[in-house]
Amino acid sequence: MLVGYRRASSESDRQTIDLQRDALLAAGIDERHLFEDKASGARDDRPGLVKALEFVKVGDCLMVWKLDRLGRSLSPENTVGAWLT
């Protein structure tokens, strides 16, 4: 199953979140399997990402529009990698 995650840095970043949504839907992700946060990439507390990680199962594919949507530093990406292994 394809699962999507999108993040905008702020409420005013509507255009970017819409572009991410369109790209993820075009990639074949069901809208019911899209998770989202509106938070800075520097923040570690992102409930949408936590829900996405809890939702994915072995064999699923977690997709993001761009890798930087997971975070601005290596720490969140490492956390996601550890969570998924």
PDB file of N, CA and C in Angstrom:
ATOM      1  N   MET A   1       0.835  -1.171   0.000  1.00  0.00           N
ATOM      2  CA  MET A   1       0.000   0.000   0.000  1.00  0.00           C
ATOM      3  C   MET A   1       0.885   1.242   0.000  1.00  0.00           C
ATOM      4  N   LEU A   2       0.447   2.253  -0.713  1.00  0.00           N
ATOM      5  CA  LEU A   2       1.146   3.532  -0.731  1.00  0.00           C
ATOM      6  C   LEU A   2       0.548   4.441   0.334  1.00  0.00           C
ATOM      7  N   VAL A   3       1.417   5.045   1.125  1.00  0.00           N
ATOM      8  CA  VAL A   3       1.019   5.961   2.187  1.00  0.00           C
ATOM      9  C   VAL A   3       1.787   7.258   1.955  1.00  0.00           C
ATOM     10  N   GLY A   4       1.106   8.388   2.069  1.00  0.00           N
ATOM     11  CA  GLY A   4       1.753   9.675   1.805  1.00  0.00           C
ATOM     12  C   GLY A   4       1.835  10.550   3.041  1.00  0.00           C
ATOM     13  N   TYR A   5       2.903  11.338   3.101  1.00  0.00           N
ATOM     14  CA  TYR A   5       3.077  12.322   4.173  1.00  0.00           C
ATOM     15  C   TYR A   5       3.435  13.652   3.543  1.00  0.00           C
ATOM     16  N   ARG A   6       2.771  14.696   3.991  1.00  0.00           N
ATOM     17  CA  ARG A   6       3.072  16.046   3.504  1.00  0.00           C
ATOM     18  C   ARG A   6       3.164  16.988   4.688  1.00  0.00           C
ATOM     19  N   ARG A   7       4.024  18.002   4.530  1.00  0.00           N
ATOM     20  CA  ARG A   7       4.226  18.974   5.602  1.00  0.00           C
ATOM     21  C   ARG A   7       4.421  20.351   5.017  1.00  0.00           C
ATOM     22  N   ALA A   8       3.744  21.319   5.617  1.00  0.00           N
ATOM     23  CA  ALA A   8       3.953  22.730   5.298  1.00  0.00           C
ATOM     24  C   ALA A   8       4.507  23.399   6.545  1.00  0.00           C
ATOM     25  N   SER A   9       5.356  24.363   6.350  1.00  0.00           N
ATOM     26  CA  SER A   9       5.986  25.037   7.486  1.00  0.00           C
ATOM     27  C   SER A   9       5.027  25.936   8.243  1.00  0.00           C
ATOM     28  N   SER A  10       3.961  26.393   7.568  1.00  0.00           N
ATOM     29  CA  SER A  10       3.022  27.295   8.234  1.00  0.00           C
ATOM     30  C   SER A  10       1.656  27.211   7.566  1.00  0.00           C
ATOM     31  N   GLU A  11       0.658  27.783   8.215  1.00  0.00           N
ATOM     32  CA  GLU A  11      -0.700  27.848   7.668  1.00  0.00           C
ATOM     33  C   GLU A  11      -0.711  28.601   6.341  1.00  0.00           C
ATOM     34  N   SER A  12       0.135  29.617   6.210  1.00  0.00           N
ATOM     35  CA  SER A  12       0.147  30.441   5.001  1.00  0.00           C
ATOM     36  C   SER A  12       0.828  29.747   3.828  1.00  0.00           C
ATOM     37  N   ASP A  13       1.366  28.565   4.039  1.00  0.00           N
ATOM     38  CA  ASP A  13       2.082  27.822   3.007  1.00  0.00           C
ATOM     39  C   ASP A  13       1.122  26.897   2.250  1.00  0.00           C
ATOM     40  N   ARG A  14      -0.097  27.367   1.981  1.00  0.00           N
ATOM     41  CA  ARG A  14      -1.154  26.550   1.371  1.00  0.00           C
ATOM     42  C   ARG A  14      -0.761  26.031  -0.011  1.00  0.00           C
ATOM     43  N   GLN A  15      -0.093  26.857  -0.815  1.00  0.00           N
ATOM     44  CA  GLN A  15       0.260  26.444  -2.172  1.00  0.00           C
ATOM     45  C   GLN A  15       1.178  25.220  -2.147  1.00  0.00           C
ATOM     46  N   THR A  16       2.164  25.220  -1.269  1.00  0.00           N
ATOM     47  CA  THR A  16       3.087  24.090  -1.191  1.00  0.00           C
ATOM     48  C   THR A  16       2.380  22.820  -0.749  1.00  0.00           C
ATOM     49  N   ILE A  17       1.488  22.925   0.221  1.00  0.00           N
ATOM     50  CA  ILE A  17       0.798  21.723   0.702  1.00  0.00           C
ATOM     51  C   ILE A  17      -0.119  21.177  -0.393  1.00  0.00           C
ATOM     52  N   ASP A  18      -0.722  22.071  -1.185  1.00  0.00           N
ATOM     53  CA  ASP A  18      -1.570  21.626  -2.291  1.00  0.00           C
ATOM     54  C   ASP A  18      -0.745  20.944  -3.389  1.00  0.00           C
ATOM     55  N   LEU A  19       0.430  21.482  -3.675  1.00  0.00           N
ATOM     56  CA  LEU A  19       1.318  20.852  -4.664  1.00  0.00           C
ATOM     57  C   LEU A  19       1.730  19.453  -4.202  1.00  0.00           C
ATOM     58  N   GLN A  20       2.034  19.339  -2.922  1.00  0.00           N
ATOM     59  CA  GLN A  20       2.416  18.036  -2.370  1.00  0.00           C
ATOM     60  C   GLN A  20       1.257  17.053  -2.492  1.00  0.00           C
ATOM     61  N   ARG A  21       0.061  17.503  -2.138  1.00  0.00           N
ATOM     62  CA  ARG A  21      -1.131  16.656  -2.223  1.00  0.00           C
ATOM     63  C   ARG A  21      -1.339  16.176  -3.648  1.00  0.00           C
ATOM     64  N   ASP A  22      -1.281  17.094  -4.595  1.00  0.00           N
ATOM     65  CA  ASP A  22      -1.498  16.735  -6.002  1.00  0.00           C
ATOM     66  C   ASP A  22      -0.465  15.722  -6.484  1.00  0.00           C
ATOM     67  N   ALA A  23       0.793  15.924  -6.110  1.00  0.00           N
ATOM     68  CA  ALA A  23       1.857  15.002  -6.535  1.00  0.00           C
ATOM     69  C   ALA A  23       1.674  13.620  -5.913  1.00  0.00           C
ATOM     70  N   LEU A  24       1.314  13.571  -4.650  1.00  0.00           N
ATOM     71  CA  LEU A  24       1.130  12.283  -3.971  1.00  0.00           C
ATOM     72  C   LEU A  24      -0.087  11.539  -4.534  1.00  0.00           C
ATOM     73  N   LEU A  25      -1.164  12.266  -4.811  1.00  0.00           N
ATOM     74  CA  LEU A  25      -2.336  11.628  -5.420  1.00  0.00           C
ATOM     75  C   LEU A  25      -2.007  11.126  -6.829  1.00  0.00           C
ATOM     76  N   ALA A  26      -1.243  11.913  -7.591  1.00  0.00           N
ATOM     77  CA  ALA A  26      -0.844  11.505  -8.943  1.00  0.00           C
ATOM     78  C   ALA A  26       0.047  10.262  -8.914  1.00  0.00           C
ATOM     79  N   ALA A  27       0.761  10.065  -7.803  1.00  0.00           N
ATOM     80  CA  ALA A  27       1.627   8.894  -7.659  1.00  0.00           C
ATOM     81  C   ALA A  27       0.827   7.647  -7.310  1.00  0.00           C
ATOM     82  N   GLY A  28      -0.487   7.818  -7.073  1.00  0.00           N
ATOM     83  CA  GLY A  28      -1.337   6.664  -6.821  1.00  0.00           C
ATOM     84  C   GLY A  28      -1.745   6.462  -5.375  1.00  0.00           C
ATOM     85  N   ILE A  29      -1.462   7.444  -4.522  1.00  0.00           N
ATOM     86  CA  ILE A  29      -1.836   7.312  -3.118  1.00  0.00           C
ATOM     87  C   ILE A  29      -3.318   7.657  -2.947  1.00  0.00           C
ATOM     88  N   ASP A  30      -4.031   6.815  -2.248  1.00  0.00           N
ATOM     89  CA  ASP A  30      -5.433   7.055  -1.924  1.00  0.00           C
ATOM     90  C   ASP A  30      -5.496   8.211  -0.927  1.00  0.00           C
ATOM     91  N   GLU A  31      -6.407   9.142  -1.143  1.00  0.00           N
ATOM     92  CA  GLU A  31      -6.504  10.315  -0.275  1.00  0.00           C
ATOM     93  C   GLU A  31      -6.716   9.938   1.193  1.00  0.00           C
ATOM     94  N   ARG A  32      -7.322   8.788   1.439  1.00  0.00           N
ATOM     95  CA  ARG A  32      -7.528   8.328   2.820  1.00  0.00           C
ATOM     96  C   ARG A  32      -6.226   7.936   3.499  1.00  0.00           C
ATOM     97  N   HIS A  33      -5.162   7.770   2.701  1.00  0.00           N
ATOM     98  CA  HIS A  33      -3.863   7.354   3.235  1.00  0.00           C
ATOM     99  C   HIS A  33      -2.836   8.486   3.201  1.00  0.00           C
ATOM    100  N   LEU A  34      -3.334   9.733   3.207  1.00  0.00           N
ATOM    101  CA  LEU A  34      -2.469  10.910   3.266  1.00  0.00           C
ATOM    102  C   LEU A  34      -2.462  11.466   4.684  1.00  0.00           C
ATOM    103  N   PHE A  35      -1.279  11.766   5.176  1.00  0.00           N
ATOM    104  CA  PHE A  35      -1.121  12.340   6.506  1.00  0.00           C
ATOM    105  C   PHE A  35      -0.408  13.672   6.360  1.00  0.00           C
ATOM    106  N   GLU A  36      -0.711  14.610   7.243  1.00  0.00           N
ATOM    107  CA  GLU A  36      -0.208  15.975   7.062  1.00  0.00           C
ATOM    108  C   GLU A  36       0.110  16.653   8.383  1.00  0.00           C
ATOM    109  N   ASP A  37       1.096  17.538   8.328  1.00  0.00           N
ATOM    110  CA  ASP A  37       1.422  18.417   9.438  1.00  0.00           C
ATOM    111  C   ASP A  37       1.615  19.822   8.911  1.00  0.00           C
ATOM    112  N   LYS A  38       1.305  20.781   9.754  1.00  0.00           N
ATOM    113  CA  LYS A  38       1.637  22.176   9.477  1.00  0.00           C
ATOM    114  C   LYS A  38       2.554  22.604  10.615  1.00  0.00           C
ATOM    115  N   ALA A  39       3.837  22.391  10.413  1.00  0.00           N
ATOM    116  CA  ALA A  39       4.825  22.659  11.462  1.00  0.00           C
ATOM    117  C   ALA A  39       6.191  22.830  10.830  1.00  0.00           C
ATOM    118  N   SER A  40       7.038  23.529  11.505  1.00  0.00           N
ATOM    119  CA  SER A  40       8.410  23.711  11.059  1.00  0.00           C
ATOM    120  C   SER A  40       9.118  22.361  10.974  1.00  0.00           C
ATOM    121  N   GLY A  41       9.988  22.220   9.984  1.00  0.00           N
ATOM    122  CA  GLY A  41      10.764  20.994   9.847  1.00  0.00           C
ATOM    123  C   GLY A  41      11.751  20.786  10.975  1.00  0.00           C
ATOM    124  N   ALA A  42      12.000  21.843  11.737  1.00  0.00           N
ATOM    125  CA  ALA A  42      12.929  21.736  12.865  1.00  0.00           C
ATOM    126  C   ALA A  42      12.254  21.119  14.092  1.00  0.00           C
ATOM    127  N   ARG A  43      10.926  21.072  14.095  1.00  0.00           N
ATOM    128  CA  ARG A  43      10.195  20.522  15.243  1.00  0.00           C
ATOM    129  C   ARG A  43      10.134  19.005  15.154  1.00  0.00           C
ATOM    130  N   ASP A  44      10.265  18.370  16.297  1.00  0.00           N
ATOM    131  CA  ASP A  44      10.184  16.913  16.345  1.00  0.00           C
ATOM    132  C   ASP A  44       8.770  16.423  16.626  1.00  0.00           C
ATOM    133  N   ASP A  45       7.918  17.281  17.181  1.00  0.00           N
ATOM    134  CA  ASP A  45       6.561  16.858  17.515  1.00  0.00           C
ATOM    135  C   ASP A  45       5.622  17.105  16.336  1.00  0.00           C
ATOM    136  N   ARG A  46       5.448  16.077  15.524  1.00  0.00           N
ATOM    137  CA  ARG A  46       4.584  16.168  14.347  1.00  0.00           C
ATOM    138  C   ARG A  46       3.602  15.008  14.380  1.00  0.00           C
ATOM    139  N   PRO A  47       2.389  15.258  14.886  1.00  0.00           N
ATOM    140  CA  PRO A  47       1.412  14.188  15.046  1.00  0.00           C
ATOM    141  C   PRO A  47       1.026  13.502  13.736  1.00  0.00           C
ATOM    142  N   GLY A  48       1.016  14.242  12.633  1.00  0.00           N
ATOM    143  CA  GLY A  48       0.690  13.625  11.342  1.00  0.00           C
ATOM    144  C   GLY A  48       1.724  12.597  10.933  1.00  0.00           C
ATOM    145  N   LEU A  49       2.999  12.899  11.169  1.00  0.00           N
ATOM    146  CA  LEU A  49       4.067  11.954  10.845  1.00  0.00           C
ATOM    147  C   LEU A  49       3.983  10.731  11.750  1.00  0.00           C
ATOM    148  N   VAL A  50       3.697  10.949  13.017  1.00  0.00           N
ATOM    149  CA  VAL A  50       3.557   9.823  13.941  1.00  0.00           C
ATOM    150  C   VAL A  50       2.413   8.913  13.491  1.00  0.00           C
ATOM    151  N   LYS A  51       1.280   9.508  13.110  1.00  0.00           N
ATOM    152  CA  LYS A  51       0.140   8.713  12.636  1.00  0.00           C
ATOM    153  C   LYS A  51       0.498   7.936  11.374  1.00  0.00           C
ATOM    154  N   ALA A  52       1.229   8.579  10.458  1.00  0.00           N
ATOM    155  CA  ALA A  52       1.639   7.898   9.221  1.00  0.00           C
ATOM    156  C   ALA A  52       2.536   6.707   9.547  1.00  0.00           C
ATOM    157  N   LEU A  53       3.485   6.905  10.457  1.00  0.00           N
ATOM    158  CA  LEU A  53       4.409   5.830  10.821  1.00  0.00           C
ATOM    159  C   LEU A  53       3.691   4.695  11.543  1.00  0.00           C
ATOM    160  N   GLU A  54       2.680   5.027  12.324  1.00  0.00           N
ATOM    161  CA  GLU A  54       1.896   3.987  12.993  1.00  0.00           C
ATOM    162  C   GLU A  54       1.003   3.238  12.004  1.00  0.00           C
ATOM    163  N   PHE A  55       0.620   3.910  10.928  1.00  0.00           N
ATOM    164  CA  PHE A  55      -0.274   3.335   9.929  1.00  0.00           C
ATOM    165  C   PHE A  55       0.436   2.353   8.993  1.00  0.00           C
ATOM    166  N   VAL A  56       1.677   2.674   8.604  1.00  0.00           N
ATOM    167  CA  VAL A  56       2.379   1.828   7.633  1.00  0.00           C
ATOM    168  C   VAL A  56       2.679   0.455   8.229  1.00  0.00           C
ATOM    169  N   LYS A  57       2.593  -0.528   7.373  1.00  0.00           N
ATOM    170  CA  LYS A  57       2.870  -1.916   7.756  1.00  0.00           C
ATOM    171  C   LYS A  57       4.003  -2.445   6.876  1.00  0.00           C
ATOM    172  N   VAL A  58       4.520  -3.603   7.227  1.00  0.00           N
ATOM    173  CA  VAL A  58       5.577  -4.233   6.438  1.00  0.00           C
ATOM    174  C   VAL A  58       5.089  -4.370   4.995  1.00  0.00           C
ATOM    175  N   GLY A  59       5.908  -3.932   4.058  1.00  0.00           N
ATOM    176  CA  GLY A  59       5.568  -4.012   2.642  1.00  0.00           C
ATOM    177  C   GLY A  59       4.948  -2.743   2.091  1.00  0.00           C
ATOM    178  N   ASP A  60       4.516  -1.821   2.973  1.00  0.00           N
ATOM    179  CA  ASP A  60       3.955  -0.547   2.522  1.00  0.00           C
ATOM    180  C   ASP A  60       5.081   0.388   2.093  1.00  0.00           C
ATOM    181  N   CYS A  61       4.710   1.428   1.373  1.00  0.00           N
ATOM    182  CA  CYS A  61       5.675   2.427   0.911  1.00  0.00           C
ATOM    183  C   CYS A  61       5.234   3.793   1.417  1.00  0.00           C
ATOM    184  N   LEU A  62       6.048   4.420   2.272  1.00  0.00           N
ATOM    185  CA  LEU A  62       5.780   5.775   2.751  1.00  0.00           C
ATOM    186  C   LEU A  62       6.425   6.748   1.772  1.00  0.00           C
ATOM    187  N   MET A  63       5.602   7.592   1.167  1.00  0.00           N
ATOM    188  CA  MET A  63       6.088   8.526   0.149  1.00  0.00           C
ATOM    189  C   MET A  63       5.966   9.963   0.623  1.00  0.00           C
ATOM    190  N   VAL A  64       6.964  10.772   0.259  1.00  0.00           N
ATOM    191  CA  VAL A  64       6.931  12.212   0.495  1.00  0.00           C
ATOM    192  C   VAL A  64       7.249  12.899  -0.824  1.00  0.00           C
ATOM    193  N   TRP A  65       6.783  14.122  -0.959  1.00  0.00           N
ATOM    194  CA  TRP A  65       7.010  14.898  -2.175  1.00  0.00           C
ATOM    195  C   TRP A  65       8.496  15.161  -2.367  1.00  0.00           C
ATOM    196  N   LYS A  66       9.142  15.584  -1.307  1.00  0.00           N
ATOM    197  CA  LYS A  66      10.583  15.803  -1.282  1.00  0.00           C
ATOM    198  C   LYS A  66      11.079  15.340   0.082  1.00  0.00           C
ATOM    199  N   LEU A  67      12.300  14.846   0.125  1.00  0.00           N
ATOM    200  CA  LEU A  67      12.847  14.308   1.372  1.00  0.00           C
ATOM    201  C   LEU A  67      12.864  15.337   2.498  1.00  0.00           C
ATOM    202  N   ASP A  68      13.022  16.614   2.157  1.00  0.00           N
ATOM    203  CA  ASP A  68      13.068  17.635   3.204  1.00  0.00           C
ATOM    204  C   ASP A  68      11.722  17.818   3.912  1.00  0.00           C
ATOM    205  N   ARG A  69      10.665  17.198   3.411  1.00  0.00           N
ATOM    206  CA  ARG A  69       9.367  17.266   4.095  1.00  0.00           C
ATOM    207  C   ARG A  69       9.392  16.467   5.396  1.00  0.00           C
ATOM    208  N   LEU A  70      10.340  15.552   5.522  1.00  0.00           N
ATOM    209  CA  LEU A  70      10.478  14.800   6.775  1.00  0.00           C
ATOM    210  C   LEU A  70      11.142  15.636   7.853  1.00  0.00           C
ATOM    211  N   GLY A  71      11.987  16.586   7.465  1.00  0.00           N
ATOM    212  CA  GLY A  71      12.649  17.439   8.435  1.00  0.00           C
ATOM    213  C   GLY A  71      13.826  18.163   7.829  1.00  0.00           C
ATOM    214  N   ARG A  72      14.343  19.129   8.569  1.00  0.00           N
ATOM    215  CA  ARG A  72      15.452  19.930   8.065  1.00  0.00           C
ATOM    216  C   ARG A  72      16.813  19.391   8.463  1.00  0.00           C
ATOM    217  N   SER A  73      16.837  18.517   9.439  1.00  0.00           N
ATOM    218  CA  SER A  73      18.120  17.983   9.886  1.00  0.00           C
ATOM    219  C   SER A  73      18.104  16.467   9.727  1.00  0.00           C
ATOM    220  N   LEU A  74      19.227  15.850   9.964  1.00  0.00           N
ATOM    221  CA  LEU A  74      19.306  14.401   9.839  1.00  0.00           C
ATOM    222  C   LEU A  74      18.552  13.677  10.939  1.00  0.00           C
ATOM    223  N   SER A  75      18.360  14.328  12.079  1.00  0.00           N
ATOM    224  CA  SER A  75      17.716  13.664  13.210  1.00  0.00           C
ATOM    225  C   SER A  75      16.335  13.097  12.886  1.00  0.00           C
ATOM    226  N   PRO A  76      15.388  13.885  12.313  1.00  0.00           N
ATOM    227  CA  PRO A  76      14.080  13.300  12.014  1.00  0.00           C
ATOM    228  C   PRO A  76      14.158  12.163  10.999  1.00  0.00           C
ATOM    229  N   GLU A  77      15.021  12.302   9.987  1.00  0.00           N
ATOM    230  CA  GLU A  77      15.141  11.241   8.991  1.00  0.00           C
ATOM    231  C   GLU A  77      15.668   9.961   9.638  1.00  0.00           C
ATOM    232  N   ASN A  78      16.639  10.095  10.542  1.00  0.00           N
ATOM    233  CA  ASN A  78      17.153   8.918  11.245  1.00  0.00           C
ATOM    234  C   ASN A  78      16.076   8.294  12.111  1.00  0.00           C
ATOM    235  N   THR A  79      15.262   9.118  12.748  1.00  0.00           N
ATOM    236  CA  THR A  79      14.167   8.619  13.578  1.00  0.00           C
ATOM    237  C   THR A  79      13.185   7.834  12.722  1.00  0.00           C
ATOM    238  N   VAL A  80      12.839   8.368  11.567  1.00  0.00           N
ATOM    239  CA  VAL A  80      11.914   7.667  10.661  1.00  0.00           C
ATOM    240  C   VAL A  80      12.525   6.351  10.215  1.00  0.00           C
ATOM    241  N   GLY A  81      13.792   6.370   9.861  1.00  0.00           N
ATOM    242  CA  GLY A  81      14.466   5.136   9.455  1.00  0.00           C
ATOM    243  C   GLY A  81      14.461   4.096  10.551  1.00  0.00           C
ATOM    244  N   ALA A  82      14.709   4.525  11.772  1.00  0.00           N
ATOM    245  CA  ALA A  82      14.695   3.586  12.892  1.00  0.00           C
ATOM    246  C   ALA A  82      13.290   3.051  13.131  1.00  0.00           C
ATOM    247  N   TRP A  83      12.298   3.904  12.978  1.00  0.00           N
ATOM    248  CA  TRP A  83      10.907   3.506  13.194  1.00  0.00           C
ATOM    249  C   TRP A  83      10.485   2.457  12.183  1.00  0.00           C
ATOM    250  N   LEU A  84      10.938   2.615  10.942  1.00  0.00           N
ATOM    251  CA  LEU A  84      10.491   1.736   9.861  1.00  0.00           C
ATOM    252  C   LEU A  84      11.249   0.421   9.802  1.00  0.00           C
ATOM    253  N   THR A  85      12.379   0.300  10.491  1.00  0.00           N
ATOM    254  CA  THR A  85      13.146  -0.943  10.412  1.00  0.00           C
ATOM    255  C   THR A  85      12.753  -1.920  11.481  1.00  0.00           C
TER     256      THR A  85
END
